[in-house]
PDB file of N, CA and C in Angstrom:
ATOM      1  N   MET A   1      98.398 126.912 115.976  1.00  0.00           N
ATOM      2  CA  MET A   1      97.305 125.963 116.090  1.00  0.00           C
ATOM      3  C   MET A   1      97.120 125.249 114.746  1.00  0.00           C
ATOM      4  N   ALA A   2      97.059 123.950 114.772  1.00  0.00           N
ATOM      5  CA  ALA A   2      96.935 123.154 113.553  1.00  0.00           C
ATOM      6  C   ALA A   2      95.602 123.402 112.867  1.00  0.00           C
ATOM      7  N   TYR A   3      95.642 123.425 111.552  1.00  0.00           N
ATOM      8  CA  TYR A   3      94.446 123.627 110.743  1.00  0.00           C
ATOM      9  C   TYR A   3      94.532 122.730 109.514  1.00  0.00           C
ATOM     10  N   GLU A   4      93.411 122.594 108.809  1.00  0.00           N
ATOM     11  CA  GLU A   4      93.370 121.781 107.603  1.00  0.00           C
ATOM     12  C   GLU A   4      92.675 122.530 106.479  1.00  0.00           C
ATOM     13  N   ILE A   5      93.144 122.288 105.262  1.00  0.00           N
ATOM     14  CA  ILE A   5      92.461 122.734 104.055  1.00  0.00           C
ATOM     15  C   ILE A   5      92.460 121.522 103.130  1.00  0.00           C
ATOM     16  N   PRO A   6      91.399 120.727 103.191  1.00  0.00           N
ATOM     17  CA  PRO A   6      91.362 119.507 102.383  1.00  0.00           C
ATOM     18  C   PRO A   6      91.458 119.807 100.892  1.00  0.00           C
ATOM     19  N   GLY A   7      92.264 119.032 100.211  1.00  0.00           N
ATOM     20  CA  GLY A   7      92.380 119.147  98.767  1.00  0.00           C
ATOM     21  C   GLY A   7      91.747 117.934  98.108  1.00  0.00           C
ATOM     22  N   LEU A   8      92.199 116.750  98.502  1.00  0.00           N
ATOM     23  CA  LEU A   8      91.688 115.508  97.933  1.00  0.00           C
ATOM     24  C   LEU A   8      91.679 114.447  99.019  1.00  0.00           C
ATOM     25  N   LEU A   9      90.500 113.938  99.322  1.00  0.00           N
ATOM     26  CA  LEU A   9      90.327 112.860 100.301  1.00  0.00           C
ATOM     27  C   LEU A   9      89.864 111.611  99.575  1.00  0.00           C
ATOM     28  N   ALA A  10      90.273 110.449 100.056  1.00  0.00           N
ATOM     29  CA  ALA A  10      89.830 109.175  99.489  1.00  0.00           C
ATOM     30  C   ALA A  10      89.598 108.187 100.618  1.00  0.00           C
ATOM     31  N   SER A  11      88.732 107.231 100.364  1.00  0.00           N
ATOM     32  CA  SER A  11      88.409 106.194 101.346  1.00  0.00           C
ATOM     33  C   SER A  11      89.093 104.890 100.964  1.00  0.00           C
ATOM     34  N   PHE A  12      89.656 104.224 101.973  1.00  0.00           N
ATOM     35  CA  PHE A  12      90.333 102.942 101.785  1.00  0.00           C
ATOM     36  C   PHE A  12      89.994 102.039 102.958  1.00  0.00           C
ATOM     37  N   THR A  13      90.057 100.745 102.749  1.00  0.00           N
ATOM     38  CA  THR A  13      89.871  99.783 103.829  1.00  0.00           C
ATOM     39  C   THR A  13      91.187  99.636 104.592  1.00  0.00           C
ATOM     40  N   ALA A  14      91.082  99.629 105.911  1.00  0.00           N
ATOM     41  CA  ALA A  14      92.262  99.460 106.750  1.00  0.00           C
ATOM     42  C   ALA A  14      92.719  98.004 106.720  1.00  0.00           C
ATOM     43  N   GLY A  15      94.014  97.800 106.483  1.00  0.00           N
ATOM     44  CA  GLY A  15      94.589  96.460 106.457  1.00  0.00           C
ATOM     45  C   GLY A  15      95.162  96.049 107.804  1.00  0.00           C
ATOM     46  N   GLU A  16      95.021  96.923 108.791  1.00  0.00           N
ATOM     47  CA  GLU A  16      95.448  96.648 110.160  1.00  0.00           C
ATOM     48  C   GLU A  16      94.654  97.591 111.065  1.00  0.00           C
ATOM     49  N   ASP A  17      94.749  97.396 112.360  1.00  0.00           N
ATOM     50  CA  ASP A  17      94.041  98.274 113.295  1.00  0.00           C
ATOM     51  C   ASP A  17      94.724  99.645 113.302  1.00  0.00           C
ATOM     52  N   LEU A  18      94.011 100.642 112.811  1.00  0.00           N
ATOM     53  CA  LEU A  18      94.534 102.002 112.763  1.00  0.00           C
ATOM     54  C   LEU A  18      93.770 102.920 113.721  1.00  0.00           C
ATOM     55  N   SER A  19      93.158 102.326 114.740  1.00  0.00           N
ATOM     56  CA  SER A  19      92.337 103.110 115.672  1.00  0.00           C
ATOM     57  C   SER A  19      93.160 104.084 116.510  1.00  0.00           C
ATOM     58  N   SER A  20      94.473 103.924 116.543  1.00  0.00           N
ATOM     59  CA  SER A  20      95.317 104.883 117.264  1.00  0.00           C
ATOM     60  C   SER A  20      96.292 105.573 116.308  1.00  0.00           C
ATOM     61  N   ALA A  21      95.926 105.640 115.025  1.00  0.00           N
ATOM     62  CA  ALA A  21      96.836 106.178 114.007  1.00  0.00           C
ATOM     63  C   ALA A  21      96.322 107.450 113.328  1.00  0.00           C
ATOM     64  N   GLN A  22      95.341 108.124 113.916  1.00  0.00           N
ATOM     65  CA  GLN A  22      94.843 109.348 113.307  1.00  0.00           C
ATOM     66  C   GLN A  22      95.984 110.356 113.153  1.00  0.00           C
ATOM     67  N   TYR A  23      96.057 110.986 111.985  1.00  0.00           N
ATOM     68  CA  TYR A  23      97.060 111.989 111.612  1.00  0.00           C
ATOM     69  C   TYR A  23      98.465 111.421 111.426  1.00  0.00           C
ATOM     70  N   LEU A  24      98.566 110.096 111.242  1.00  0.00           N
ATOM     71  CA  LEU A  24      99.839 109.471 110.888  1.00  0.00           C
ATOM     72  C   LEU A  24      99.862 109.192 109.389  1.00  0.00           C
ATOM     73  N   ALA A  25     101.055 109.014 108.834  1.00  0.00           N
ATOM     74  CA  ALA A  25     101.211 108.699 107.421  1.00  0.00           C
ATOM     75  C   ALA A  25     100.825 107.244 107.162  1.00  0.00           C
ATOM     76  N   VAL A  26     100.138 107.027 106.041  1.00  0.00           N
ATOM     77  CA  VAL A  26      99.751 105.670 105.653  1.00  0.00           C
ATOM     78  C   VAL A  26     100.206 105.389 104.232  1.00  0.00           C
ATOM     79  N   LYS A  27     100.333 104.098 103.940  1.00  0.00           N
ATOM     80  CA  LYS A  27     100.699 103.628 102.605  1.00  0.00           C
ATOM     81  C   LYS A  27      99.695 102.564 102.187  1.00  0.00           C
ATOM     82  N   ILE A  28      99.771 102.149 100.947  1.00  0.00           N
ATOM     83  CA  ILE A  28      98.931 101.072 100.418  1.00  0.00           C
ATOM     84  C   ILE A  28      99.728  99.768 100.490  1.00  0.00           C
ATOM     85  N   ASP A  29      99.099  98.716 101.040  1.00  0.00           N
ATOM     86  CA  ASP A  29      99.786  97.415 101.086  1.00  0.00           C
ATOM     87  C   ASP A  29      99.503  96.630  99.806  1.00  0.00           C
ATOM     88  N   SER A  30     100.025  95.433  99.702  1.00  0.00           N
ATOM     89  CA  SER A  30      99.889  94.622  98.485  1.00  0.00           C
ATOM     90  C   SER A  30      98.452  94.191  98.204  1.00  0.00           C
ATOM     91  N   ASN A  31      97.552  94.334  99.192  1.00  0.00           N
ATOM     92  CA  ASN A  31      96.139  94.004  98.999  1.00  0.00           C
ATOM     93  C   ASN A  31      95.298  95.230  98.681  1.00  0.00           C
ATOM     94  N   GLY A  32      95.941  96.395  98.563  1.00  0.00           N
ATOM     95  CA  GLY A  32      95.212  97.625  98.265  1.00  0.00           C
ATOM     96  C   GLY A  32      94.594  98.277  99.485  1.00  0.00           C
ATOM     97  N   ASN A  33      94.998  97.833 100.672  1.00  0.00           N
ATOM     98  CA  ASN A  33      94.491  98.408 101.925  1.00  0.00           C
ATOM     99  C   ASN A  33      95.494  99.410 102.481  1.00  0.00           C
ATOM    100  N   ILE A  34      95.022 100.278 103.382  1.00  0.00           N
ATOM    101  CA  ILE A  34      95.940 101.209 104.023  1.00  0.00           C
ATOM    102  C   ILE A  34      96.514 100.603 105.299  1.00  0.00           C
ATOM    103  N   VAL A  35      97.796 100.856 105.497  1.00  0.00           N
ATOM    104  CA  VAL A  35      98.517 100.464 106.702  1.00  0.00           C
ATOM    105  C   VAL A  35      99.449 101.620 107.051  1.00  0.00           C
ATOM    106  N   LYS A  36      99.911 101.660 108.287  1.00  0.00           N
ATOM    107  CA  LYS A  36     100.815 102.713 108.715  1.00  0.00           C
ATOM    108  C   LYS A  36     102.120 102.636 107.913  1.00  0.00           C
ATOM    109  N   ALA A  37     102.574 103.789 107.430  1.00  0.00           N
ATOM    110  CA  ALA A  37     103.841 103.847 106.700  1.00  0.00           C
ATOM    111  C   ALA A  37     105.001 103.785 107.688  1.00  0.00           C
ATOM    112  N   GLY A  38     106.109 103.248 107.227  1.00  0.00           N
ATOM    113  CA  GLY A  38     107.302 103.129 108.070  1.00  0.00           C
ATOM    114  C   GLY A  38     108.428 104.020 107.581  1.00  0.00           C
ATOM    115  N   ALA A  39     109.550 103.926 108.226  1.00  0.00           N
ATOM    116  CA  ALA A  39     110.706 104.786 107.952  1.00  0.00           C
ATOM    117  C   ALA A  39     111.096 104.769 106.484  1.00  0.00           C
ATOM    118  N   GLY A  40     111.159 105.959 105.899  1.00  0.00           N
ATOM    119  CA  GLY A  40     111.606 106.110 104.529  1.00  0.00           C
ATOM    120  C   GLY A  40     110.648 105.619 103.471  1.00  0.00           C
ATOM    121  N   GLU A  41     109.464 105.142 103.856  1.00  0.00           N
ATOM    122  CA  GLU A  41     108.529 104.591 102.871  1.00  0.00           C
ATOM    123  C   GLU A  41     107.717 105.683 102.186  1.00  0.00           C
ATOM    124  N   ARG A  42     107.195 105.352 101.025  1.00  0.00           N
ATOM    125  CA  ARG A  42     106.360 106.261 100.248  1.00  0.00           C
ATOM    126  C   ARG A  42     104.934 106.234 100.803  1.00  0.00           C
ATOM    127  N   ALA A  43     104.563 107.280 101.506  1.00  0.00           N
ATOM    128  CA  ALA A  43     103.210 107.390 102.058  1.00  0.00           C
ATOM    129  C   ALA A  43     102.289 107.966 100.991  1.00  0.00           C
ATOM    130  N   ILE A  44     101.032 107.520 100.986  1.00  0.00           N
ATOM    131  CA  ILE A  44     100.070 108.100 100.045  1.00  0.00           C
ATOM    132  C   ILE A  44      99.377 109.314 100.636  1.00  0.00           C
ATOM    133  N   GLY A  45      99.411 109.446 101.969  1.00  0.00           N
ATOM    134  CA  GLY A  45      98.761 110.579 102.602  1.00  0.00           C
ATOM    135  C   GLY A  45      98.696 110.417 104.102  1.00  0.00           C
ATOM    136  N   ILE A  46      97.827 111.236 104.713  1.00  0.00           N
ATOM    137  CA  ILE A  46      97.673 111.270 106.162  1.00  0.00           C
ATOM    138  C   ILE A  46      96.279 110.758 106.529  1.00  0.00           C
ATOM    139  N   LEU A  47      96.221 109.809 107.451  1.00  0.00           N
ATOM    140  CA  LEU A  47      94.957 109.244 107.916  1.00  0.00           C
ATOM    141  C   LEU A  47      94.173 110.295 108.696  1.00  0.00           C
ATOM    142  N   GLN A  48      92.898 110.454 108.369  1.00  0.00           N
ATOM    143  CA  GLN A  48      92.075 111.501 108.976  1.00  0.00           C
ATOM    144  C   GLN A  48      91.178 111.006 110.100  1.00  0.00           C
ATOM    145  N   ASP A  49      91.044 109.701 110.249  1.00  0.00           N
ATOM    146  CA  ASP A  49      90.152 109.158 111.274  1.00  0.00           C
ATOM    147  C   ASP A  49      90.804 107.955 111.941  1.00  0.00           C
ATOM    148  N   LYS A  50      90.007 107.081 112.543  1.00  0.00           N
ATOM    149  CA  LYS A  50      90.557 105.991 113.364  1.00  0.00           C
ATOM    150  C   LYS A  50      89.915 104.643 113.026  1.00  0.00           C
ATOM    151  N   PRO A  51      90.100 104.134 111.806  1.00  0.00           N
ATOM    152  CA  PRO A  51      89.454 102.869 111.448  1.00  0.00           C
ATOM    153  C   PRO A  51      90.117 101.651 112.088  1.00  0.00           C
ATOM    154  N   GLU A  52      89.293 100.712 112.478  1.00  0.00           N
ATOM    155  CA  GLU A  52      89.793  99.421 112.939  1.00  0.00           C
ATOM    156  C   GLU A  52      90.080  98.559 111.717  1.00  0.00           C
ATOM    157  N   ASN A  53      90.770  97.447 111.899  1.00  0.00           N
ATOM    158  CA  ASN A  53      91.092  96.539 110.809  1.00  0.00           C
ATOM    159  C   ASN A  53      89.820  96.142 110.061  1.00  0.00           C
ATOM    160  N   GLY A  54      89.838  96.272 108.737  1.00  0.00           N
ATOM    161  CA  GLY A  54      88.699  95.899 107.904  1.00  0.00           C
ATOM    162  C   GLY A  54      87.650  96.981 107.739  1.00  0.00           C
ATOM    163  N   LYS A  55      87.777  98.080 108.447  1.00  0.00           N
ATOM    164  CA  LYS A  55      86.834  99.198 108.336  1.00  0.00           C
ATOM    165  C   LYS A  55      87.400 100.241 107.374  1.00  0.00           C
ATOM    166  N   VAL A  56      86.531 101.105 106.875  1.00  0.00           N
ATOM    167  CA  VAL A  56      86.935 102.133 105.923  1.00  0.00           C
ATOM    168  C   VAL A  56      87.464 103.360 106.657  1.00  0.00           C
ATOM    169  N   GLY A  57      88.590 103.881 106.164  1.00  0.00           N
ATOM    170  CA  GLY A  57      89.190 105.091 106.720  1.00  0.00           C
ATOM    171  C   GLY A  57      89.357 106.138 105.631  1.00  0.00           C
ATOM    172  N   SER A  58      89.468 107.380 106.037  1.00  0.00           N
ATOM    173  CA  SER A  58      89.627 108.506 105.122  1.00  0.00           C
ATOM    174  C   SER A  58      91.083 108.978 105.139  1.00  0.00           C
ATOM    175  N   VAL A  59      91.660 109.153 103.955  1.00  0.00           N
ATOM    176  CA  VAL A  59      93.048 109.572 103.819  1.00  0.00           C
ATOM    177  C   VAL A  59      93.094 110.863 103.008  1.00  0.00           C
ATOM    178  N   MET A  60      93.784 111.887 103.544  1.00  0.00           N
ATOM    179  CA  MET A  60      94.010 113.083 102.758  1.00  0.00           C
ATOM    180  C   MET A  60      95.227 112.833 101.882  1.00  0.00           C
ATOM    181  N   LEU A  61      94.993 112.868 100.568  1.00  0.00           N
ATOM    182  CA  LEU A  61      96.034 112.595  99.593  1.00  0.00           C
ATOM    183  C   LEU A  61      96.748 113.869  99.159  1.00  0.00           C
ATOM    184  N   TYR A  62      96.034 114.985  99.217  1.00  0.00           N
ATOM    185  CA  TYR A  62      96.578 116.253  98.769  1.00  0.00           C
ATOM    186  C   TYR A  62      95.899 117.369  99.538  1.00  0.00           C
ATOM    187  N   GLY A  63      96.640 118.392  99.870  1.00  0.00           N
ATOM    188  CA  GLY A  63      96.087 119.534 100.590  1.00  0.00           C
ATOM    189  C   GLY A  63      96.904 119.823 101.825  1.00  0.00           C
ATOM    190  N   ILE A  64      96.296 120.556 102.752  1.00  0.00           N
ATOM    191  CA  ILE A  64      96.922 120.864 104.035  1.00  0.00           C
ATOM    192  C   ILE A  64      96.225 120.022 105.089  1.00  0.00           C
ATOM    193  N   SER A  65      96.988 119.206 105.772  1.00  0.00           N
ATOM    194  CA  SER A  65      96.458 118.264 106.756  1.00  0.00           C
ATOM    195  C   SER A  65      97.128 118.460 108.103  1.00  0.00           C
ATOM    196  N   LYS A  66      96.441 118.044 109.136  1.00  0.00           N
ATOM    197  CA  LYS A  66      97.074 117.894 110.434  1.00  0.00           C
ATOM    198  C   LYS A  66      97.921 116.623 110.364  1.00  0.00           C
ATOM    199  N   ALA A  67      99.052 116.632 111.066  1.00  0.00           N
ATOM    200  CA  ALA A  67      99.926 115.457 111.100  1.00  0.00           C
ATOM    201  C   ALA A  67     100.679 115.436 112.427  1.00  0.00           C
ATOM    202  N   VAL A  68     101.053 114.247 112.858  1.00  0.00           N
ATOM    203  CA  VAL A  68     101.828 114.089 114.089  1.00  0.00           C
ATOM    204  C   VAL A  68     103.307 114.151 113.745  1.00  0.00           C
ATOM    205  N   TYR A  69     104.029 115.034 114.438  1.00  0.00           N
ATOM    206  CA  TYR A  69     105.475 115.130 114.278  1.00  0.00           C
ATOM    207  C   TYR A  69     106.148 114.050 115.121  1.00  0.00           C
ATOM    208  N   GLY A  70     107.299 113.556 114.637  1.00  0.00           N
ATOM    209  CA  GLY A  70     108.059 112.564 115.375  1.00  0.00           C
ATOM    210  C   GLY A  70     109.385 113.087 115.895  1.00  0.00           C
ATOM    211  N   ALA A  71     109.599 114.404 115.748  1.00  0.00           N
ATOM    212  CA  ALA A  71     110.841 115.054 116.193  1.00  0.00           C
ATOM    213  C   ALA A  71     110.588 116.554 116.180  1.00  0.00           C
ATOM    214  N   SER A  72     111.579 117.323 116.576  1.00  0.00           N
ATOM    215  CA  SER A  72     111.478 118.781 116.470  1.00  0.00           C
ATOM    216  C   SER A  72     111.481 119.158 114.992  1.00  0.00           C
ATOM    217  N   VAL A  73     110.536 120.010 114.615  1.00  0.00           N
ATOM    218  CA  VAL A  73     110.360 120.402 113.218  1.00  0.00           C
ATOM    219  C   VAL A  73     110.254 121.921 113.155  1.00  0.00           C
ATOM    220  N   THR A  74     110.844 122.503 112.126  1.00  0.00           N
ATOM    221  CA  THR A  74     110.762 123.939 111.883  1.00  0.00           C
ATOM    222  C   THR A  74     109.903 124.173 110.649  1.00  0.00           C
ATOM    223  N   ALA A  75     109.042 125.176 110.710  1.00  0.00           N
ATOM    224  CA  ALA A  75     108.219 125.522 109.548  1.00  0.00           C
ATOM    225  C   ALA A  75     109.111 125.645 108.322  1.00  0.00           C
ATOM    226  N   GLY A  76     108.680 125.055 107.223  1.00  0.00           N
ATOM    227  CA  GLY A  76     109.453 125.063 105.988  1.00  0.00           C
ATOM    228  C   GLY A  76     110.282 123.819 105.771  1.00  0.00           C
ATOM    229  N   ASP A  77     110.456 122.996 106.812  1.00  0.00           N
ATOM    230  CA  ASP A  77     111.207 121.750 106.659  1.00  0.00           C
ATOM    231  C   ASP A  77     110.505 120.804 105.696  1.00  0.00           C
ATOM    232  N   ALA A  78     111.274 120.136 104.850  1.00  0.00           N
ATOM    233  CA  ALA A  78     110.775 118.992 104.092  1.00  0.00           C
ATOM    234  C   ALA A  78     110.667 117.840 105.080  1.00  0.00           C
ATOM    235  N   LEU A  79     109.601 117.039 104.962  1.00  0.00           N
ATOM    236  CA  LEU A  79     109.342 115.981 105.944  1.00  0.00           C
ATOM    237  C   LEU A  79     109.282 114.605 105.296  1.00  0.00           C
ATOM    238  N   GLU A  80     109.777 113.622 106.025  1.00  0.00           N
ATOM    239  CA  GLU A  80     109.674 112.214 105.647  1.00  0.00           C
ATOM    240  C   GLU A  80     109.022 111.458 106.799  1.00  0.00           C
ATOM    241  N   VAL A  81     108.756 110.189 106.605  1.00  0.00           N
ATOM    242  CA  VAL A  81     108.085 109.358 107.604  1.00  0.00           C
ATOM    243  C   VAL A  81     109.119 108.614 108.446  1.00  0.00           C
ATOM    244  N   ASN A  82     108.865 108.529 109.769  1.00  0.00           N
ATOM    245  CA  ASN A  82     109.738 107.710 110.624  1.00  0.00           C
ATOM    246  C   ASN A  82     109.103 106.326 110.802  1.00  0.00           C
ATOM    247  N   SER A  83     109.691 105.491 111.631  1.00  0.00           N
ATOM    248  CA  SER A  83     109.220 104.113 111.799  1.00  0.00           C
ATOM    249  C   SER A  83     107.853 104.011 112.458  1.00  0.00           C
ATOM    250  N   ASP A  84     107.367 105.094 113.059  1.00  0.00           N
ATOM    251  CA  ASP A  84     106.057 105.108 113.715  1.00  0.00           C
ATOM    252  C   ASP A  84     104.971 105.765 112.877  1.00  0.00           C
ATOM    253  N   GLY A  85     105.273 106.146 111.638  1.00  0.00           N
ATOM    254  CA  GLY A  85     104.298 106.811 110.785  1.00  0.00           C
ATOM    255  C   GLY A  85     104.192 108.307 111.050  1.00  0.00           C
ATOM    256  N   LYS A  86     105.080 108.833 111.897  1.00  0.00           N
ATOM    257  CA  LYS A  86     105.094 110.266 112.213  1.00  0.00           C
ATOM    258  C   LYS A  86     106.027 110.977 111.233  1.00  0.00           C
ATOM    259  N   LEU A  87     105.866 112.290 111.121  1.00  0.00           N
ATOM    260  CA  LEU A  87     106.675 113.057 110.187  1.00  0.00           C
ATOM    261  C   LEU A  87     107.862 113.706 110.899  1.00  0.00           C
ATOM    262  N   ILE A  88     109.013 113.588 110.254  1.00  0.00           N
ATOM    263  CA  ILE A  88     110.271 114.119 110.796  1.00  0.00           C
ATOM    264  C   ILE A  88     110.993 114.882 109.681  1.00  0.00           C
ATOM    265  N   PRO A  89     111.955 115.746 110.039  1.00  0.00           N
ATOM    266  CA  PRO A  89     112.714 116.440 108.998  1.00  0.00           C
ATOM    267  C   PRO A  89     113.398 115.443 108.053  1.00  0.00           C
ATOM    268  N   TYR A  90     113.362 115.776 106.780  1.00  0.00           N
ATOM    269  CA  TYR A  90     113.945 114.926 105.746  1.00  0.00           C
ATOM    270  C   TYR A  90     115.445 114.755 105.946  1.00  0.00           C
ATOM    271  N   SER A  91     115.905 113.495 105.801  1.00  0.00           N
ATOM    272  CA  SER A  91     117.343 113.244 105.790  1.00  0.00           C
ATOM    273  C   SER A  91     117.734 112.361 104.614  1.00  0.00           C
ATOM    274  N   SER A  92     117.001 111.266 104.394  1.00  0.00           N
ATOM    275  CA  SER A  92     117.388 110.376 103.295  1.00  0.00           C
ATOM    276  C   SER A  92     116.228 109.552 102.745  1.00  0.00           C
ATOM    277  N   GLY A  93     115.030 109.719 103.269  1.00  0.00           N
ATOM    278  CA  GLY A  93     113.886 108.922 102.813  1.00  0.00           C
ATOM    279  C   GLY A  93     113.210 109.564 101.616  1.00  0.00           C
ATOM    280  N   ILE A  94     111.900 109.580 101.649  1.00  0.00           N
ATOM    281  CA  ILE A  94     111.088 110.168 100.580  1.00  0.00           C
ATOM    282  C   ILE A  94     110.317 111.337 101.172  1.00  0.00           C
ATOM    283  N   ILE A  95     110.427 112.506 100.572  1.00  0.00           N
ATOM    284  CA  ILE A  95     109.712 113.679 101.060  1.00  0.00           C
ATOM    285  C   ILE A  95     108.223 113.493 100.796  1.00  0.00           C
ATOM    286  N   VAL A  96     107.410 113.632 101.863  1.00  0.00           N
ATOM    287  CA  VAL A  96     105.963 113.471 101.739  1.00  0.00           C
ATOM    288  C   VAL A  96     105.190 114.746 102.051  1.00  0.00           C
ATOM    289  N   ALA A  97     105.852 115.725 102.695  1.00  0.00           N
ATOM    290  CA  ALA A  97     105.141 116.944 103.089  1.00  0.00           C
ATOM    291  C   ALA A  97     106.149 118.052 103.402  1.00  0.00           C
ATOM    292  N   ILE A  98     105.605 119.264 103.532  1.00  0.00           N
ATOM    293  CA  ILE A  98     106.363 120.431 103.973  1.00  0.00           C
ATOM    294  C   ILE A  98     105.701 120.932 105.255  1.00  0.00           C
ATOM    295  N   ALA A  99     106.500 121.185 106.291  1.00  0.00           N
ATOM    296  CA  ALA A  99     105.970 121.677 107.568  1.00  0.00           C
ATOM    297  C   ALA A  99     105.483 123.116 107.419  1.00  0.00           C
ATOM    298  N   LEU A 100     104.299 123.391 107.942  1.00  0.00           N
ATOM    299  CA  LEU A 100     103.759 124.746 107.937  1.00  0.00           C
ATOM    300  C   LEU A 100     103.844 125.403 109.307  1.00  0.00           C
ATOM    301  N   GLU A 101     104.207 124.606 110.315  1.00  0.00           N
ATOM    302  CA  GLU A 101     104.294 125.114 111.684  1.00  0.00           C
ATOM    303  C   GLU A 101     105.504 124.491 112.387  1.00  0.00           C
ATOM    304  N   ASN A 102     106.091 125.244 113.305  1.00  0.00           N
ATOM    305  CA  ASN A 102     107.117 124.687 114.185  1.00  0.00           C
ATOM    306  C   ASN A 102     106.446 123.731 115.157  1.00  0.00           C
ATOM    307  N   GLY A 103     107.181 122.730 115.622  1.00  0.00           N
ATOM    308  CA  GLY A 103     106.614 121.828 116.611  1.00  0.00           C
ATOM    309  C   GLY A 103     107.617 120.814 117.110  1.00  0.00           C
ATOM    310  N   SER A 104     107.167 120.013 118.054  1.00  0.00           N
ATOM    311  CA  SER A 104     107.994 118.994 118.689  1.00  0.00           C
ATOM    312  C   SER A 104     107.374 117.617 118.518  1.00  0.00           C
ATOM    313  N   ALA A 105     108.119 116.607 118.907  1.00  0.00           N
ATOM    314  CA  ALA A 105     107.661 115.218 118.807  1.00  0.00           C
ATOM    315  C   ALA A 105     106.326 115.028 119.511  1.00  0.00           C
ATOM    316  N   ASP A 106     105.447 114.280 118.870  1.00  0.00           N
ATOM    317  CA  ASP A 106     104.134 113.880 119.359  1.00  0.00           C
ATOM    318  C   ASP A 106     103.113 115.014 119.387  1.00  0.00           C
ATOM    319  N   GLU A 107     103.444 116.158 118.804  1.00  0.00           N
ATOM    320  CA  GLU A 107     102.479 117.250 118.656  1.00  0.00           C
ATOM    321  C   GLU A 107     101.831 117.162 117.278  1.00  0.00           C
ATOM    322  N   ILE A 108     100.611 117.672 117.174  1.00  0.00           N
ATOM    323  CA  ILE A 108      99.877 117.703 115.909  1.00  0.00           C
ATOM    324  C   ILE A 108      99.989 119.104 115.319  1.00  0.00           C
ATOM    325  N   HIS A 109     100.463 119.168 114.052  1.00  0.00           N
ATOM    326  CA  HIS A 109     100.643 120.441 113.379  1.00  0.00           C
ATOM    327  C   HIS A 109     100.245 120.315 111.910  1.00  0.00           C
ATOM    328  N   SER A 110     100.130 121.456 111.243  1.00  0.00           N
ATOM    329  CA  SER A 110      99.731 121.493 109.840  1.00  0.00           C
ATOM    330  C   SER A 110     100.908 121.250 108.912  1.00  0.00           C
ATOM    331  N   VAL A 111     100.655 120.457 107.866  1.00  0.00           N
ATOM    332  CA  VAL A 111     101.650 120.182 106.832  1.00  0.00           C
ATOM    333  C   VAL A 111     100.981 120.286 105.470  1.00  0.00           C
ATOM    334  N   LYS A 112     101.765 120.636 104.458  1.00  0.00           N
ATOM    335  CA  LYS A 112     101.275 120.608 103.088  1.00  0.00           C
ATOM    336  C   LYS A 112     101.770 119.313 102.452  1.00  0.00           C
ATOM    337  N   LEU A 113     100.820 118.499 102.048  1.00  0.00           N
ATOM    338  CA  LEU A 113     101.176 117.211 101.437  1.00  0.00           C
ATOM    339  C   LEU A 113     101.713 117.420 100.034  1.00  0.00           C
ATOM    340  N   ILE A 114     102.711 116.627  99.676  1.00  0.00           N
ATOM    341  CA  ILE A 114     103.309 116.704  98.348  1.00  0.00           C
ATOM    342  C   ILE A 114     102.921 115.467  97.570  1.00  0.00           C
TER     343      ILE A 114
END
């Protein structure tokens, strides 16, 4: 069962509609707003809520967060972001987290943010 241990949370304005992006990886755009991270991109953390465009959202920058997997994951796997902002086993992108639970695509599980 997924759990969280918040370490560091920060608030940012959403630069796009993130109302269906809770527990996905986000990055900072050129305007300083959060947007969904894409494949291989450097995510700043995991979105904790569901802000609409222009509204403030909460991002866990450090700690143990719930996150949506985008593939089969084994506890202990290093994780990177896929094109949908979901976390998948590392292959060639940027490691953003370590899996704390086994899981499958589209399931929510605990990860330790790096």
